[in-house]
C-alpha atoms as a PDB file:
ATOM      1  CA  MET A   1      96.664 -39.398 136.381  1.00  0.00           C
ATOM      2  CA  ILE A   2      92.923 -39.312 134.568  1.00  0.00           C
ATOM      3  CA  LYS A   3      92.284 -37.584 131.244  1.00  0.00           C
ATOM      4  CA  VAL A   4      89.023 -37.583 129.388  1.00  0.00           C
ATOM      5  CA  GLU A   5      88.854 -35.887 126.122  1.00  0.00           C
ATOM      6  CA  SER A   6      85.567 -35.296 124.253  1.00  0.00           C
ATOM      7  CA  ILE A   7      84.435 -38.699 124.925  1.00  0.00           C
ATOM      8  CA  SER A   8      81.031 -39.313 123.619  1.00  0.00           C
ATOM      9  CA  LYS A   9      78.760 -42.424 124.029  1.00  0.00           C
ATOM     10  CA  SER A  10      75.006 -43.191 122.695  1.00  0.00           C
ATOM     11  CA  TYR A  11      72.980 -46.306 123.192  1.00  0.00           C
ATOM     12  CA  GLN A  12      70.661 -46.398 120.164  1.00  0.00           C
ATOM     13  CA  ALA A  13      68.813 -42.858 119.779  1.00  0.00           C
ATOM     14  CA  THR A  14      69.866 -41.812 123.471  1.00  0.00           C
ATOM     15  CA  LYS A  15      72.992 -39.728 124.044  1.00  0.00           C
ATOM     16  CA  ALA A  16      74.517 -41.084 127.397  1.00  0.00           C
ATOM     17  CA  LEU A  17      77.611 -38.815 127.028  1.00  0.00           C
ATOM     18  CA  ASN A  18      78.000 -35.701 124.671  1.00  0.00           C
ATOM     19  CA  ARG A  19      81.712 -34.678 124.474  1.00  0.00           C
ATOM     20  CA  ILE A  20      82.769 -34.978 128.039  1.00  0.00           C
ATOM     21  CA  SER A  21      86.127 -33.438 128.998  1.00  0.00           C
ATOM     22  CA  PHE A  22      88.197 -33.118 132.264  1.00  0.00           C
ATOM     23  CA  GLU A  23      91.426 -34.147 134.114  1.00  0.00           C
ATOM     24  CA  VAL A  24      92.097 -35.611 137.406  1.00  0.00           C
ATOM     25  CA  THR A  25      95.333 -34.955 139.140  1.00  0.00           C
ATOM     26  CA  GLN A  26      97.620 -37.336 141.193  1.00  0.00           C
ATOM     27  CA  GLY A  27      96.229 -37.681 144.757  1.00  0.00           C
ATOM     28  CA  GLU A  28      92.885 -35.722 144.013  1.00  0.00           C
ATOM     29  CA  LEU A  29      89.349 -36.567 145.061  1.00  0.00           C
ATOM     30  CA  PHE A  30      87.465 -35.822 142.222  1.00  0.00           C
ATOM     31  CA  GLY A  31      83.535 -36.095 141.984  1.00  0.00           C
ATOM     32  CA  LEU A  32      81.112 -36.554 139.298  1.00  0.00           C
ATOM     33  CA  ILE A  33      77.911 -34.922 140.749  1.00  0.00           C
ATOM     34  CA  GLY A  34      74.561 -35.663 139.135  1.00  0.00           C
ATOM     35  CA  PRO A  35      71.088 -37.106 139.087  1.00  0.00           C
ATOM     36  CA  ASP A  36      70.253 -40.717 137.644  1.00  0.00           C
ATOM     37  CA  GLY A  37      70.710 -40.606 133.891  1.00  0.00           C
ATOM     38  CA  ALA A  38      73.239 -37.719 133.933  1.00  0.00           C
ATOM     39  CA  GLY A  39      75.862 -40.220 132.332  1.00  0.00           C
ATOM     40  CA  LYS A  40      78.084 -40.936 135.235  1.00  0.00           C
ATOM     41  CA  THR A  41      77.710 -44.586 134.908  1.00  0.00           C
ATOM     42  CA  SER A  42      78.460 -44.832 131.208  1.00  0.00           C
ATOM     43  CA  LEU A  43      81.560 -42.793 131.962  1.00  0.00           C
ATOM     44  CA  MET A  44      83.086 -44.918 134.535  1.00  0.00           C
ATOM     45  CA  ARG A  45      82.401 -47.878 132.563  1.00  0.00           C
ATOM     46  CA  ILE A  46      84.532 -46.410 129.890  1.00  0.00           C
ATOM     47  CA  LEU A  47      87.280 -45.606 132.016  1.00  0.00           C
ATOM     48  CA  MET A  48      87.081 -48.988 133.642  1.00  0.00           C
ATOM     49  CA  THR A  49      87.619 -50.554 130.135  1.00  0.00           C
ATOM     50  CA  LEU A  50      84.132 -52.087 130.305  1.00  0.00           C
ATOM     51  CA  LEU A  51      82.698 -49.849 127.327  1.00  0.00           C
ATOM     52  CA  VAL A  52      84.298 -48.436 123.987  1.00  0.00           C
ATOM     53  CA  PRO A  53      83.485 -44.974 123.591  1.00  0.00           C
ATOM     54  CA  ASP A  54      82.029 -43.841 120.274  1.00  0.00           C
ATOM     55  CA  GLU A  55      84.299 -41.024 120.138  1.00  0.00           C
ATOM     56  CA  GLY A  56      87.174 -39.304 121.922  1.00  0.00           C
ATOM     57  CA  LYS A  57      89.732 -40.735 124.205  1.00  0.00           C
ATOM     58  CA  ALA A  58      90.681 -41.434 127.765  1.00  0.00           C
ATOM     59  CA  SER A  59      93.788 -42.339 129.761  1.00  0.00           C
ATOM     60  CA  MET A  60      94.325 -43.776 133.275  1.00  0.00           C
ATOM     61  CA  SER A  61      98.025 -43.113 134.353  1.00  0.00           C
ATOM     62  CA  GLY A  62      98.952 -42.549 130.785  1.00  0.00           C
ATOM     63  CA  LEU A  63      97.413 -45.644 129.585  1.00  0.00           C
ATOM     64  CA  ASP A  64      94.773 -45.578 126.760  1.00  0.00           C
ATOM     65  CA  VAL A  65      91.588 -47.114 127.957  1.00  0.00           C
ATOM     66  CA  VAL A  66      90.911 -48.887 124.650  1.00  0.00           C
ATOM     67  CA  ARG A  67      94.444 -50.170 123.755  1.00  0.00           C
ATOM     68  CA  ASP A  68      95.928 -50.669 127.287  1.00  0.00           C
ATOM     69  CA  TYR A  69      92.752 -52.209 128.997  1.00  0.00           C
ATOM     70  CA  LYS A  70      94.992 -55.377 130.633  1.00  0.00           C
ATOM     71  CA  GLN A  71      97.408 -52.770 132.351  1.00  0.00           C
ATOM     72  CA  ILE A  72      94.664 -50.379 133.412  1.00  0.00           C
ATOM     73  CA  ARG A  73      92.701 -53.326 135.213  1.00  0.00           C
ATOM     74  CA  GLN A  74      96.026 -54.189 137.298  1.00  0.00           C
ATOM     75  CA  LEU A  75      96.243 -50.461 138.677  1.00  0.00           C
ATOM     76  CA  VAL A  76      92.830 -49.344 139.273  1.00  0.00           C
ATOM     77  CA  GLY A  77      90.487 -50.735 141.977  1.00  0.00           C
ATOM     78  CA  TYR A  78      86.599 -50.440 140.866  1.00  0.00           C
ATOM     79  CA  MET A  79      83.587 -50.392 142.975  1.00  0.00           C
ATOM     80  CA  PRO A  80      80.527 -50.509 140.795  1.00  0.00           C
ATOM     81  CA  GLY A  81      77.119 -49.066 141.769  1.00  0.00           C
ATOM     82  CA  ARG A  82      75.563 -52.417 142.652  1.00  0.00           C
ATOM     83  CA  PHE A  83      76.970 -54.910 145.012  1.00  0.00           C
ATOM     84  CA  SER A  84      78.780 -57.215 142.742  1.00  0.00           C
ATOM     85  CA  LEU A  85      80.642 -59.421 145.242  1.00  0.00           C
ATOM     86  CA  TYR A  86      79.714 -63.082 145.534  1.00  0.00           C
ATOM     87  CA  GLN A  87      77.005 -63.190 147.756  1.00  0.00           C
ATOM     88  CA  ASP A  88      77.394 -67.082 148.547  1.00  0.00           C
ATOM     89  CA  LEU A  89      80.815 -66.567 149.567  1.00  0.00           C
ATOM     90  CA  SER A  90      81.817 -65.345 153.301  1.00  0.00           C
ATOM     91  CA  VAL A  91      83.390 -61.891 153.781  1.00  0.00           C
ATOM     92  CA  GLU A  92      86.865 -63.757 154.255  1.00  0.00           C
ATOM     93  CA  GLU A  93      86.299 -65.862 151.041  1.00  0.00           C
ATOM     94  CA  ASN A  94      85.302 -62.744 149.060  1.00  0.00           C
ATOM     95  CA  LEU A  95      88.486 -60.924 149.977  1.00  0.00           C
ATOM     96  CA  GLU A  96      90.596 -64.006 149.697  1.00  0.00           C
ATOM     97  CA  PHE A  97      89.283 -64.560 146.280  1.00  0.00           C
ATOM     98  CA  PHE A  98      90.018 -60.795 144.834  1.00  0.00           C
ATOM     99  CA  ALA A  99      93.712 -60.985 146.558  1.00  0.00           C
ATOM    100  CA  THR A 100      94.192 -64.409 144.544  1.00  0.00           C
ATOM    101  CA  VAL A 101      93.087 -62.691 141.264  1.00  0.00           C
ATOM    102  CA  PHE A 102      95.737 -60.316 141.548  1.00  0.00           C
ATOM    103  CA  GLY A 103      98.387 -63.076 142.432  1.00  0.00           C
ATOM    104  CA  ILE A 104      98.777 -61.711 145.873  1.00  0.00           C
ATOM    105  CA  THR A 105      97.662 -62.580 149.569  1.00  0.00           C
ATOM    106  CA  ILE A 106      95.669 -60.713 151.900  1.00  0.00           C
ATOM    107  CA  ALA A 107      98.341 -60.113 154.372  1.00  0.00           C
ATOM    108  CA  GLU A 108     100.555 -58.278 151.616  1.00  0.00           C
ATOM    109  CA  ASN A 109      98.377 -55.206 151.635  1.00  0.00           C
ATOM    110  CA  TYR A 110      96.449 -55.809 154.890  1.00  0.00           C
ATOM    111  CA  GLU A 111      98.082 -52.352 156.128  1.00  0.00           C
ATOM    112  CA  LEU A 112      96.239 -50.527 153.524  1.00  0.00           C
ATOM    113  CA  ILE A 113      92.459 -52.019 154.043  1.00  0.00           C
ATOM    114  CA  LYS A 114      93.179 -52.342 158.043  1.00  0.00           C
ATOM    115  CA  ASP A 115      91.269 -49.563 159.259  1.00  0.00           C
ATOM    116  CA  ILE A 116      88.439 -50.699 157.083  1.00  0.00           C
ATOM    117  CA  TYR A 117      88.458 -54.408 157.248  1.00  0.00           C
ATOM    118  CA  VAL A 118      88.671 -54.413 161.289  1.00  0.00           C
ATOM    119  CA  GLN A 119      84.839 -53.040 161.057  1.00  0.00           C
ATOM    120  CA  ILE A 120      83.842 -56.174 159.402  1.00  0.00           C
ATOM    121  CA  GLU A 121      86.415 -58.553 160.634  1.00  0.00           C
ATOM    122  CA  PRO A 122      84.031 -60.084 163.436  1.00  0.00           C
ATOM    123  CA  PHE A 123      81.695 -61.001 160.540  1.00  0.00           C
ATOM    124  CA  LYS A 124      84.280 -62.430 158.120  1.00  0.00           C
ATOM    125  CA  LYS A 125      82.581 -66.143 158.323  1.00  0.00           C
ATOM    126  CA  ARG A 126      79.133 -64.668 157.264  1.00  0.00           C
ATOM    127  CA  LEU A 127      78.073 -64.948 153.801  1.00  0.00           C
ATOM    128  CA  ALA A 128      78.244 -61.422 151.890  1.00  0.00           C
ATOM    129  CA  GLY A 129      74.560 -61.458 150.713  1.00  0.00           C
ATOM    130  CA  LYS A 130      73.729 -61.401 154.610  1.00  0.00           C
ATOM    131  CA  LEU A 131      75.497 -58.192 155.454  1.00  0.00           C
ATOM    132  CA  SER A 132      73.920 -54.912 156.065  1.00  0.00           C
ATOM    133  CA  GLY A 133      74.267 -52.287 153.620  1.00  0.00           C
ATOM    134  CA  GLY A 134      76.975 -50.628 155.373  1.00  0.00           C
ATOM    135  CA  MET A 135      79.284 -53.610 155.690  1.00  0.00           C
ATOM    136  CA  LYS A 136      78.514 -54.814 152.123  1.00  0.00           C
ATOM    137  CA  GLN A 137      79.928 -51.241 151.338  1.00  0.00           C
ATOM    138  CA  LYS A 138      82.777 -51.847 153.602  1.00  0.00           C
ATOM    139  CA  LEU A 139      83.612 -55.248 152.125  1.00  0.00           C
ATOM    140  CA  ALA A 140      83.554 -53.989 148.536  1.00  0.00           C
ATOM    141  CA  LEU A 141      85.807 -51.063 149.131  1.00  0.00           C
ATOM    142  CA  SER A 142      88.278 -53.621 150.622  1.00  0.00           C
ATOM    143  CA  CYS A 143      88.226 -55.735 147.659  1.00  0.00           C
ATOM    144  CA  ALA A 144      88.765 -52.927 145.254  1.00  0.00           C
ATOM    145  CA  LEU A 145      92.049 -51.992 147.292  1.00  0.00           C
ATOM    146  CA  ILE A 146      93.445 -55.150 148.281  1.00  0.00           C
ATOM    147  CA  HIS A 147      95.875 -55.045 145.231  1.00  0.00           C
ATOM    148  CA  LYS A 148      96.901 -51.671 146.173  1.00  0.00           C
ATOM    149  CA  PRO A 149      95.754 -49.369 143.278  1.00  0.00           C
ATOM    150  CA  GLU A 150      96.807 -46.263 141.947  1.00  0.00           C
ATOM    151  CA  ILE A 151      93.519 -45.100 141.273  1.00  0.00           C
ATOM    152  CA  LEU A 152      90.074 -45.966 142.909  1.00  0.00           C
ATOM    153  CA  VAL A 153      87.122 -45.335 141.110  1.00  0.00           C
ATOM    154  CA  LEU A 154      83.809 -45.710 142.870  1.00  0.00           C
ATOM    155  CA  ASP A 155      80.309 -45.495 141.087  1.00  0.00           C
ATOM    156  CA  GLU A 156      77.689 -43.903 143.444  1.00  0.00           C
ATOM    157  CA  PRO A 157      79.217 -46.197 146.627  1.00  0.00           C
ATOM    158  CA  THR A 158      76.890 -44.532 149.195  1.00  0.00           C
ATOM    159  CA  THR A 159      73.772 -44.902 147.477  1.00  0.00           C
ATOM    160  CA  GLY A 160      71.078 -46.758 149.532  1.00  0.00           C
ATOM    161  CA  VAL A 161      72.861 -46.857 152.621  1.00  0.00           C
ATOM    162  CA  ASP A 162      72.175 -44.974 155.962  1.00  0.00           C
ATOM    163  CA  ALA A 163      73.356 -41.758 157.025  1.00  0.00           C
ATOM    164  CA  VAL A 164      75.864 -42.959 159.496  1.00  0.00           C
ATOM    165  CA  SER A 165      77.502 -45.382 156.937  1.00  0.00           C
ATOM    166  CA  ARG A 166      77.756 -42.437 154.198  1.00  0.00           C
ATOM    167  CA  LYS A 167      79.787 -40.457 156.840  1.00  0.00           C
ATOM    168  CA  GLU A 168      81.971 -43.290 157.773  1.00  0.00           C
ATOM    169  CA  PHE A 169      82.327 -43.999 154.190  1.00  0.00           C
ATOM    170  CA  TRP A 170      83.626 -40.777 153.234  1.00  0.00           C
ATOM    171  CA  GLU A 171      86.037 -40.504 156.152  1.00  0.00           C
ATOM    172  CA  MET A 172      87.675 -43.654 154.972  1.00  0.00           C
ATOM    173  CA  LEU A 173      88.003 -42.276 151.228  1.00  0.00           C
ATOM    174  CA  LYS A 174      89.740 -39.148 153.100  1.00  0.00           C
ATOM    175  CA  LYS A 175      92.135 -41.506 154.770  1.00  0.00           C
ATOM    176  CA  LEU A 176      92.967 -43.245 151.628  1.00  0.00           C
ATOM    177  CA  GLN A 177      93.699 -40.122 149.815  1.00  0.00           C
ATOM    178  CA  GLN A 178      96.221 -39.222 152.285  1.00  0.00           C
ATOM    179  CA  GLN A 179      97.853 -42.266 151.407  1.00  0.00           C
ATOM    180  CA  GLY A 180      98.297 -40.802 147.727  1.00  0.00           C
ATOM    181  CA  ILE A 181      95.260 -42.754 146.172  1.00  0.00           C
ATOM    182  CA  THR A 182      93.503 -40.819 143.513  1.00  0.00           C
ATOM    183  CA  ILE A 183      89.916 -41.364 143.881  1.00  0.00           C
ATOM    184  CA  LEU A 184      87.185 -40.639 141.339  1.00  0.00           C
ATOM    185  CA  VAL A 185      83.683 -41.005 142.684  1.00  0.00           C
ATOM    186  CA  SER A 186      80.116 -40.554 141.452  1.00  0.00           C
ATOM    187  CA  THR A 187      77.119 -39.350 143.667  1.00  0.00           C
ATOM    188  CA  PRO A 188      73.791 -38.250 142.894  1.00  0.00           C
ATOM    189  CA  TYR A 189      73.827 -36.510 146.572  1.00  0.00           C
ATOM    190  CA  MET A 190      74.712 -33.062 146.322  1.00  0.00           C
ATOM    191  CA  ASP A 191      75.943 -32.421 150.058  1.00  0.00           C
ATOM    192  CA  GLU A 192      78.815 -35.156 149.156  1.00  0.00           C
ATOM    193  CA  ALA A 193      79.981 -32.506 146.415  1.00  0.00           C
ATOM    194  CA  SER A 194      81.472 -30.345 149.398  1.00  0.00           C
ATOM    195  CA  LEU A 195      83.746 -33.369 150.538  1.00  0.00           C
ATOM    196  CA  CYS A 196      85.300 -33.447 147.093  1.00  0.00           C
ATOM    197  CA  ASP A 197      88.726 -31.289 145.981  1.00  0.00           C
ATOM    198  CA  ARG A 198      86.932 -30.595 142.772  1.00  0.00           C
ATOM    199  CA  VAL A 199      83.738 -31.868 141.281  1.00  0.00           C
ATOM    200  CA  ALA A 200      82.263 -31.947 137.543  1.00  0.00           C
ATOM    201  CA  LEU A 201      78.464 -31.092 137.741  1.00  0.00           C
ATOM    202  CA  MET A 202      76.651 -33.451 135.086  1.00  0.00           C
ATOM    203  CA  GLN A 203      73.291 -33.494 133.627  1.00  0.00           C
ATOM    204  CA  LYS A 204      72.018 -35.366 130.582  1.00  0.00           C
ATOM    205  CA  GLY A 205      75.382 -36.560 129.561  1.00  0.00           C
ATOM    206  CA  GLU A 206      77.223 -33.043 129.577  1.00  0.00           C
ATOM    207  CA  VAL A 207      79.561 -31.345 132.273  1.00  0.00           C
ATOM    208  CA  MET A 208      77.832 -28.082 133.427  1.00  0.00           C
ATOM    209  CA  GLU A 209      80.654 -26.769 135.333  1.00  0.00           C
ATOM    210  CA  ILE A 210      84.126 -28.181 136.809  1.00  0.00           C
ATOM    211  CA  ASP A 211      85.619 -26.442 139.792  1.00  0.00           C
ATOM    212  CA  SER A 212      85.944 -26.726 143.663  1.00  0.00           C
ATOM    213  CA  PRO A 213      82.815 -26.729 145.323  1.00  0.00           C
ATOM    214  CA  ALA A 214      83.595 -23.469 147.077  1.00  0.00           C
ATOM    215  CA  ARG A 215      84.429 -21.654 143.890  1.00  0.00           C
ATOM    216  CA  ILE A 216      81.492 -23.207 142.112  1.00  0.00           C
ATOM    217  CA  VAL A 217      79.196 -21.547 145.071  1.00  0.00           C
ATOM    218  CA  GLU A 218      81.253 -18.397 145.287  1.00  0.00           C
ATOM    219  CA  ASN A 219      80.724 -17.732 141.344  1.00  0.00           C
ATOM    220  CA  TYR A 220      76.982 -17.800 141.939  1.00  0.00           C
ATOM    221  CA  THR A 221      75.924 -14.057 142.008  1.00  0.00           C
ATOM    222  CA  ARG A 222      72.093 -14.268 141.875  1.00  0.00           C
ATOM    223  CA  THR A 223      69.823 -13.340 144.548  1.00  0.00           C
ATOM    224  CA  LEU A 224      68.276 -16.280 146.223  1.00  0.00           C
ATOM    225  CA  LEU A 225      65.252 -16.286 148.483  1.00  0.00           C
ATOM    226  CA  ALA A 226      63.709 -18.973 150.882  1.00  0.00           C
ATOM    227  CA  ALA A 227      60.091 -19.036 151.576  1.00  0.00           C
ATOM    228  CA  ARG A 228      57.476 -20.967 153.677  1.00  0.00           C
ATOM    229  CA  SER A 229      53.793 -20.477 154.498  1.00  0.00           C
ATOM    230  CA  ASP A 230      50.866 -22.677 155.850  1.00  0.00           C
ATOM    231  CA  ASN A 231      50.271 -24.154 152.323  1.00  0.00           C
ATOM    232  CA  MET A 232      53.396 -25.087 150.833  1.00  0.00           C
ATOM    233  CA  ASN A 233      51.957 -26.723 147.904  1.00  0.00           C
ATOM    234  CA  ARG A 234      49.761 -23.458 146.880  1.00  0.00           C
ATOM    235  CA  LEU A 235      52.634 -21.272 147.997  1.00  0.00           C
ATOM    236  CA  ILE A 236      55.069 -23.142 145.230  1.00  0.00           C
ATOM    237  CA  GLN A 237      52.196 -22.684 142.553  1.00  0.00           C
ATOM    238  CA  ASP A 238      51.554 -19.008 143.408  1.00  0.00           C
ATOM    239  CA  VAL A 239      55.558 -18.203 143.269  1.00  0.00           C
ATOM    240  CA  ARG A 240      55.993 -20.063 139.984  1.00  0.00           C
ATOM    241  CA  ASN A 241      53.123 -18.016 138.216  1.00  0.00           C
ATOM    242  CA  TRP A 242      54.254 -14.884 139.513  1.00  0.00           C
ATOM    243  CA  ASP A 243      55.948 -13.217 136.418  1.00  0.00           C
ATOM    244  CA  GLU A 244      58.866 -11.627 138.689  1.00  0.00           C
ATOM    245  CA  VAL A 245      60.189 -15.322 139.474  1.00  0.00           C
ATOM    246  CA  GLU A 246      62.570 -17.136 137.248  1.00  0.00           C
ATOM    247  CA  SER A 247      62.575 -20.206 139.059  1.00  0.00           C
ATOM    248  CA  ALA A 248      61.264 -21.927 142.430  1.00  0.00           C
ATOM    249  CA  TYR A 249      61.737 -25.556 143.741  1.00  0.00           C
ATOM    250  CA  ALA A 250      61.155 -27.211 146.899  1.00  0.00           C
ATOM    251  CA  PHE A 251      63.972 -27.420 149.189  1.00  0.00           C
ATOM    252  CA  GLY A 252      63.178 -29.117 152.671  1.00  0.00           C
ATOM    253  CA  GLN A 253      60.532 -27.016 154.678  1.00  0.00           C
ATOM    254  CA  PHE A 254      61.227 -24.137 152.316  1.00  0.00           C
ATOM    255  CA  ILE A 255      61.128 -23.103 148.570  1.00  0.00           C
ATOM    256  CA  HIS A 256      64.052 -21.791 147.078  1.00  0.00           C
ATOM    257  CA  VAL A 257      63.020 -18.607 144.725  1.00  0.00           C
ATOM    258  CA  THR A 258      65.081 -17.171 142.061  1.00  0.00           C
ATOM    259  CA  PRO A 259      63.887 -13.629 141.116  1.00  0.00           C
ATOM    260  CA  LYS A 260      64.196 -12.395 137.619  1.00  0.00           C
ATOM    261  CA  ARG A 261      65.689  -8.992 139.258  1.00  0.00           C
ATOM    262  CA  ASN A 262      68.832  -9.508 140.977  1.00  0.00           C
ATOM    263  CA  GLU A 263      67.920  -6.443 143.396  1.00  0.00           C
ATOM    264  CA  MET A 264      64.664  -8.052 144.596  1.00  0.00           C
ATOM    265  CA  GLU A 265      64.353  -7.917 148.418  1.00  0.00           C
ATOM    266  CA  ALA A 266      62.818 -10.605 150.600  1.00  0.00           C
ATOM    267  CA  VAL A 267      60.041  -8.001 151.466  1.00  0.00           C
ATOM    268  CA  GLU A 268      58.573  -7.689 148.108  1.00  0.00           C
ATOM    269  CA  LEU A 269      58.099 -11.556 147.810  1.00  0.00           C
ATOM    270  CA  GLU A 270      56.650 -11.479 151.107  1.00  0.00           C
ATOM    271  CA  LYS A 271      54.127  -8.791 150.146  1.00  0.00           C
ATOM    272  CA  PHE A 272      53.056 -10.517 147.121  1.00  0.00           C
ATOM    273  CA  LEU A 273      52.497 -13.882 149.130  1.00  0.00           C
ATOM    274  CA  MET A 274      50.238 -11.912 151.301  1.00  0.00           C
ATOM    275  CA  THR A 275      48.137 -10.629 148.448  1.00  0.00           C
ATOM    276  CA  GLN A 276      47.713 -14.249 147.680  1.00  0.00           C
ATOM    277  CA  LYS A 277      46.277 -14.673 151.346  1.00  0.00           C
ATOM    278  CA  HIS A 278      49.302 -16.866 152.507  1.00  0.00           C
ATOM    279  CA  GLU A 279      49.713 -17.147 156.506  1.00  0.00           C
ATOM    280  CA  LYS A 280      52.366 -17.997 158.748  1.00  0.00           C
ATOM    281  CA  LEU A 281      54.746 -16.478 156.027  1.00  0.00           C
ATOM    282  CA  GLN A 282      58.545 -16.732 156.323  1.00  0.00           C
ATOM    283  CA  VAL A 283      60.614 -15.214 153.698  1.00  0.00           C
ATOM    284  CA  ASN A 284      64.423 -14.647 153.686  1.00  0.00           C
ATOM    285  CA  GLU A 285      67.426 -13.738 151.609  1.00  0.00           C
ATOM    286  CA  ILE A 286      69.882 -16.923 151.932  1.00  0.00           C
ATOM    287  CA  SER A 287      73.161 -17.803 150.601  1.00  0.00           C
ATOM    288  CA  PRO A 288      73.043 -20.496 148.031  1.00  0.00           C
ATOM    289  CA  GLY A 289      74.597 -24.115 148.135  1.00  0.00           C
ATOM    290  CA  ILE A 290      75.613 -26.486 145.537  1.00  0.00           C
ATOM    291  CA  GLU A 291      72.192 -27.697 144.859  1.00  0.00           C
ATOM    292  CA  ASP A 292      71.092 -24.239 144.002  1.00  0.00           C
ATOM    293  CA  VAL A 293      73.936 -23.676 141.713  1.00  0.00           C
ATOM    294  CA  PHE A 294      73.184 -27.214 139.956  1.00  0.00           C
ATOM    295  CA  MET A 295      69.502 -26.172 139.648  1.00  0.00           C
ATOM    296  CA  ALA A 296      70.349 -22.853 138.075  1.00  0.00           C
ATOM    297  CA  LEU A 297      72.704 -24.430 135.547  1.00  0.00           C
ATOM    298  CA  MET A 298      69.890 -26.957 134.539  1.00  0.00           C
ATOM    299  CA  LYS A 299      67.946 -23.963 133.896  1.00  0.00           C
ATOM    300  CA  GLU A 300      70.286 -22.445 131.680  1.00  0.00           C
ATOM    301  CA  LYS A 301      70.669 -25.749 129.464  1.00  0.00           C
ATOM    302  CA  GLU A 302      66.962 -26.114 129.070  1.00  0.00           C
END
């Protein structure tokens, strides 16, 4: 359905994408996971025929993104990272405009967007620029779907919206997937990775790993410890300065610590921290999450 082969893209001296390759199958919900600057938006713009790659090739439903750009724009729905609808038009007028662009009426594909649109229909006369972040998100998704696309491409759709709206949005994506739509979504939020069928973990224009979130975590075999004390700032510095530790980073109210020796137990770290006069210590061995794996892969790339 989506095929990317050795795509590279540079902006002057900056390498935004470095020989990216992956495939997305029919009906799959595939995630591009990574921080700002990972190359996610550049890749999506290439797939949406808005940028031309420096090398490599990509296709959507068997259509080349450079040669067949007109056909691709008819079969793909796109929701860019920034709200790009007409803010001086009402909710209803925006939806009517996008339907007209594709030569259809809202009624033709209303069943596809009904579950989404009914949530904003009470505000259909309100200007798009006056909507809340969550409502803008739902309107943008409705407009991206109005022509009943085969593939839905979403660039960081939940950035800047509240937790409830994020949860609702992913529930909507799951329902759309059940209708056979292939979905490619990018996000900087590691917790959203677990909601995808498969993910590509990206950093600095490269794919570090591709697999299902569960298998990515299962393949992480390093010991991982969590620690906290009464002085978290000094704690992380002391841990990082200990030559038995490979890496340590803040994670909520704890720091996550990867020791150099995989057989190290929590009690060893606790004893070391006691020698550094830390109080109210709590040290435990924990199971890794997708963010822990991401941080480990980043360190390997350094």
